[in-house]
């Protein structure tokens, strides 16, 4: 539908279920940036912790909840759609 980014609000460490991977990969092939976040009360989303972020080009949401990650992703996408640069922004801000 023209989305440039998706915030995945998973459990625990931002887990993405096996059944979700085909849809996530299809979105990425269209240039959509995927950010893993979590709805749990506290903790961080560790890079390459629950998912192989390097393999799938996911962005780990670090300590941001899905709502805050959405705002940062919207701002980041005004500058770049490169997941590596966006990951740096998530670690910085």
N, C-alpha and C. Protein backbone atom coordinates (compact mmCIF):
# COMPACT_ATOMS: atom_id res chain seq x y z
N UNK A 1 0.82 -1.20 0.00
CA UNK A 1 0.00 0.00 0.00
C UNK A 1 0.86 1.26 0.00
N UNK A 2 2.17 1.11 -0.25
CA UNK A 2 3.04 2.28 -0.30
C UNK A 2 3.76 2.60 0.98
N UNK A 3 3.69 1.72 1.98
CA UNK A 3 4.39 1.97 3.23
C UNK A 3 5.90 1.92 3.00
N UNK A 4 6.62 2.81 3.68
CA UNK A 4 8.08 2.82 3.58
C UNK A 4 8.73 2.09 4.75
N UNK A 5 7.95 1.88 5.82
CA UNK A 5 8.47 1.21 6.99
C UNK A 5 7.37 0.53 7.78
N UNK A 6 7.75 -0.53 8.48
CA UNK A 6 6.82 -1.27 9.33
C UNK A 6 7.45 -1.43 10.71
N UNK A 7 6.68 -1.13 11.74
CA UNK A 7 7.09 -1.39 13.11
C UNK A 7 6.46 -2.70 13.53
N UNK A 8 7.29 -3.69 13.82
CA UNK A 8 6.79 -4.98 14.27
C UNK A 8 6.78 -4.96 15.80
N UNK A 9 5.61 -5.03 16.40
CA UNK A 9 5.47 -5.02 17.86
C UNK A 9 5.33 -6.46 18.34
N UNK A 10 6.46 -7.08 18.62
CA UNK A 10 6.47 -8.48 19.02
C UNK A 10 6.44 -8.64 20.53
N UNK A 11 6.71 -9.85 20.95
CA UNK A 11 6.79 -10.14 22.38
C UNK A 11 8.26 -10.25 22.77
N UNK A 12 8.53 -10.22 24.04
CA UNK A 12 9.89 -10.41 24.53
C UNK A 12 10.90 -9.54 23.83
N UNK A 13 11.81 -10.17 23.11
CA UNK A 13 12.87 -9.45 22.41
C UNK A 13 12.46 -9.09 20.98
N UNK A 14 11.20 -8.73 20.78
CA UNK A 14 10.74 -8.34 19.45
C UNK A 14 10.63 -9.51 18.50
N UNK A 15 10.25 -10.66 19.02
CA UNK A 15 10.19 -11.88 18.23
C UNK A 15 9.29 -11.74 17.02
N UNK A 16 9.74 -12.32 15.92
CA UNK A 16 8.93 -12.41 14.71
C UNK A 16 8.65 -13.88 14.49
N UNK A 17 7.38 -14.23 14.43
CA UNK A 17 6.99 -15.63 14.27
C UNK A 17 7.38 -16.18 12.91
N UNK A 18 7.62 -17.50 12.86
CA UNK A 18 8.02 -18.14 11.61
C UNK A 18 7.01 -17.91 10.50
N UNK A 19 5.74 -17.88 10.84
CA UNK A 19 4.70 -17.68 9.83
C UNK A 19 4.71 -16.26 9.27
N UNK A 20 5.33 -15.32 10.00
CA UNK A 20 5.37 -13.92 9.56
C UNK A 20 6.52 -13.62 8.60
N UNK A 21 7.55 -14.46 8.60
CA UNK A 21 8.75 -14.17 7.81
C UNK A 21 8.46 -14.00 6.30
N UNK A 22 7.62 -14.82 5.67
CA UNK A 22 7.37 -14.60 4.24
C UNK A 22 6.80 -13.21 3.94
N UNK A 23 5.90 -12.74 4.79
CA UNK A 23 5.31 -11.41 4.58
C UNK A 23 6.34 -10.32 4.81
N UNK A 24 7.18 -10.49 5.82
CA UNK A 24 8.22 -9.51 6.13
C UNK A 24 9.23 -9.45 4.99
N UNK A 25 9.65 -10.60 4.50
CA UNK A 25 10.60 -10.64 3.40
C UNK A 25 10.02 -10.04 2.12
N UNK A 26 8.75 -10.29 1.86
CA UNK A 26 8.10 -9.71 0.68
C UNK A 26 8.07 -8.19 0.78
N UNK A 27 7.80 -7.68 1.98
CA UNK A 27 7.79 -6.22 2.17
C UNK A 27 9.19 -5.65 1.97
N UNK A 28 10.19 -6.33 2.49
CA UNK A 28 11.57 -5.85 2.34
C UNK A 28 11.99 -5.81 0.88
N UNK A 29 11.57 -6.77 0.10
CA UNK A 29 11.91 -6.79 -1.33
C UNK A 29 11.34 -5.58 -2.05
N UNK A 30 10.30 -5.01 -1.47
CA UNK A 30 9.70 -3.79 -2.03
C UNK A 30 10.32 -2.53 -1.44
N UNK A 31 11.37 -2.70 -0.62
CA UNK A 31 12.07 -1.56 -0.04
C UNK A 31 11.54 -1.06 1.29
N UNK A 32 10.69 -1.84 1.94
CA UNK A 32 10.12 -1.45 3.23
C UNK A 32 11.12 -1.79 4.34
N UNK A 33 11.36 -0.84 5.23
CA UNK A 33 12.25 -1.04 6.38
C UNK A 33 11.45 -1.65 7.52
N UNK A 34 11.97 -2.73 8.11
CA UNK A 34 11.30 -3.43 9.20
C UNK A 34 12.05 -3.14 10.50
N UNK A 35 11.33 -2.63 11.50
CA UNK A 35 11.91 -2.35 12.82
C UNK A 35 11.26 -3.29 13.82
N UNK A 36 12.09 -4.07 14.53
CA UNK A 36 11.59 -4.97 15.57
C UNK A 36 11.50 -4.22 16.89
N UNK A 37 10.32 -4.26 17.51
CA UNK A 37 10.11 -3.66 18.82
C UNK A 37 9.33 -4.65 19.68
N UNK A 38 9.03 -4.25 20.90
CA UNK A 38 8.32 -5.13 21.82
C UNK A 38 7.28 -4.36 22.61
N UNK A 39 6.22 -5.06 22.99
CA UNK A 39 5.16 -4.47 23.80
C UNK A 39 5.32 -4.78 25.29
N UNK A 40 6.41 -5.45 25.67
CA UNK A 40 6.59 -5.76 27.09
C UNK A 40 6.95 -4.49 27.86
N UNK A 41 6.86 -4.55 29.16
CA UNK A 41 7.03 -3.37 30.00
C UNK A 41 8.38 -2.70 29.99
N UNK A 42 9.46 -3.47 29.85
CA UNK A 42 10.79 -2.86 29.84
C UNK A 42 11.79 -3.79 29.16
N UNK A 43 12.99 -3.30 28.99
CA UNK A 43 14.04 -4.08 28.35
C UNK A 43 14.34 -3.54 26.95
N UNK A 44 15.42 -4.06 26.38
CA UNK A 44 15.81 -3.61 25.06
C UNK A 44 15.59 -4.71 24.03
N UNK A 45 15.57 -4.31 22.79
CA UNK A 45 15.56 -5.25 21.68
C UNK A 45 17.02 -5.38 21.25
N UNK A 46 17.62 -6.52 21.53
CA UNK A 46 19.03 -6.73 21.23
C UNK A 46 19.21 -7.06 19.75
N UNK A 47 20.17 -6.42 19.14
CA UNK A 47 20.48 -6.71 17.74
C UNK A 47 20.98 -8.14 17.63
N UNK A 48 20.43 -8.89 16.69
CA UNK A 48 20.76 -10.30 16.46
C UNK A 48 20.47 -11.17 17.68
N UNK A 49 19.58 -10.72 18.54
CA UNK A 49 19.22 -11.51 19.72
C UNK A 49 18.18 -12.55 19.38
N UNK A 50 16.97 -12.15 19.14
CA UNK A 50 15.87 -13.07 18.86
C UNK A 50 15.78 -13.40 17.37
N UNK A 51 16.26 -12.51 16.54
CA UNK A 51 16.22 -12.70 15.09
C UNK A 51 17.59 -12.37 14.52
N UNK A 52 17.88 -12.91 13.36
CA UNK A 52 19.14 -12.62 12.70
C UNK A 52 18.98 -11.30 11.93
N UNK A 53 19.15 -10.20 12.63
CA UNK A 53 18.93 -8.88 12.04
C UNK A 53 19.87 -8.61 10.87
N UNK A 54 21.10 -9.09 10.97
CA UNK A 54 22.04 -8.88 9.88
C UNK A 54 21.59 -9.60 8.61
N UNK A 55 21.13 -10.82 8.75
CA UNK A 55 20.69 -11.60 7.60
C UNK A 55 19.46 -11.00 6.94
N UNK A 56 18.50 -10.56 7.75
CA UNK A 56 17.23 -10.07 7.22
C UNK A 56 17.16 -8.55 7.08
N UNK A 57 18.22 -7.85 7.44
CA UNK A 57 18.24 -6.38 7.39
C UNK A 57 17.16 -5.74 8.24
N UNK A 58 16.89 -6.35 9.40
CA UNK A 58 15.96 -5.75 10.35
C UNK A 58 16.68 -4.65 11.12
N UNK A 59 15.91 -3.72 11.63
CA UNK A 59 16.42 -2.71 12.55
C UNK A 59 15.94 -3.09 13.93
N UNK A 60 16.84 -3.18 14.89
CA UNK A 60 16.48 -3.48 16.27
C UNK A 60 16.07 -2.18 16.95
N UNK A 61 14.88 -2.18 17.53
CA UNK A 61 14.31 -0.97 18.12
C UNK A 61 14.96 -0.48 19.40
N UNK A 62 15.98 -1.18 19.87
CA UNK A 62 16.73 -0.82 21.08
C UNK A 62 15.76 -0.69 22.26
N UNK A 63 15.68 0.47 22.90
CA UNK A 63 14.85 0.64 24.10
C UNK A 63 13.54 1.36 23.82
N UNK A 64 13.18 1.54 22.56
CA UNK A 64 11.96 2.27 22.23
C UNK A 64 10.76 1.35 22.11
N UNK A 65 9.63 1.78 22.69
CA UNK A 65 8.40 1.02 22.50
C UNK A 65 7.91 1.25 21.06
N UNK A 66 6.93 0.49 20.59
CA UNK A 66 6.50 0.63 19.20
C UNK A 66 6.05 2.04 18.82
N UNK A 67 5.39 2.73 19.73
CA UNK A 67 4.90 4.07 19.42
C UNK A 67 6.06 5.05 19.19
N UNK A 68 7.05 5.00 20.05
CA UNK A 68 8.20 5.89 19.90
C UNK A 68 9.05 5.48 18.70
N UNK A 69 9.17 4.17 18.47
CA UNK A 69 9.93 3.69 17.32
C UNK A 69 9.28 4.16 16.02
N UNK A 70 7.97 4.22 15.99
CA UNK A 70 7.27 4.69 14.79
C UNK A 70 7.64 6.13 14.47
N UNK A 71 7.70 6.95 15.48
CA UNK A 71 8.05 8.36 15.27
C UNK A 71 9.48 8.49 14.77
N UNK A 72 10.41 7.76 15.41
CA UNK A 72 11.81 7.82 14.97
C UNK A 72 11.95 7.28 13.55
N UNK A 73 11.26 6.21 13.22
CA UNK A 73 11.33 5.66 11.87
C UNK A 73 10.78 6.65 10.85
N UNK A 74 9.69 7.31 11.17
CA UNK A 74 9.15 8.31 10.25
C UNK A 74 10.17 9.41 9.99
N UNK A 75 10.84 9.88 11.02
CA UNK A 75 11.87 10.91 10.86
C UNK A 75 13.06 10.38 10.08
N UNK A 76 13.49 9.16 10.40
CA UNK A 76 14.64 8.56 9.71
C UNK A 76 14.38 8.40 8.23
N UNK A 77 13.17 8.02 7.87
CA UNK A 77 12.84 7.80 6.46
C UNK A 77 12.81 9.09 5.64
N UNK A 78 12.82 10.23 6.31
CA UNK A 78 12.92 11.49 5.56
C UNK A 78 14.35 11.72 5.09
N UNK A 79 15.31 10.97 5.68
CA UNK A 79 16.73 11.12 5.34
C UNK A 79 17.27 9.95 4.52
N UNK A 80 16.83 8.72 4.82
CA UNK A 80 17.38 7.53 4.17
C UNK A 80 16.42 6.36 4.31
N UNK A 81 16.59 5.36 3.46
CA UNK A 81 15.86 4.11 3.64
C UNK A 81 16.84 2.94 3.82
N UNK A 82 18.09 3.26 4.12
CA UNK A 82 19.13 2.26 4.36
C UNK A 82 19.00 1.74 5.80
N UNK A 83 18.68 0.44 5.98
CA UNK A 83 18.50 -0.10 7.33
C UNK A 83 19.73 0.08 8.23
N UNK A 84 20.92 0.05 7.68
CA UNK A 84 22.12 0.21 8.50
C UNK A 84 22.22 1.63 9.07
N UNK A 85 21.91 2.61 8.26
CA UNK A 85 21.93 4.00 8.74
C UNK A 85 20.79 4.24 9.73
N UNK A 86 19.65 3.65 9.47
CA UNK A 86 18.52 3.80 10.38
C UNK A 86 18.83 3.11 11.71
N UNK A 87 19.53 1.96 11.67
CA UNK A 87 19.93 1.30 12.92
C UNK A 87 20.81 2.23 13.75
N UNK A 88 21.73 2.92 13.10
CA UNK A 88 22.58 3.88 13.82
C UNK A 88 21.74 4.95 14.50
N UNK A 89 20.69 5.40 13.83
CA UNK A 89 19.81 6.41 14.42
C UNK A 89 19.10 5.86 15.65
N UNK A 90 18.67 4.59 15.57
CA UNK A 90 18.00 3.99 16.72
C UNK A 90 18.95 3.83 17.90
N UNK A 91 20.22 3.57 17.64
CA UNK A 91 21.18 3.47 18.74
C UNK A 91 21.52 4.85 19.31
N UNK A 92 21.46 5.87 18.48
CA UNK A 92 21.83 7.23 18.90
C UNK A 92 20.68 7.93 19.64
N UNK A 93 19.47 7.80 19.13
CA UNK A 93 18.35 8.56 19.67
C UNK A 93 17.40 7.68 20.46
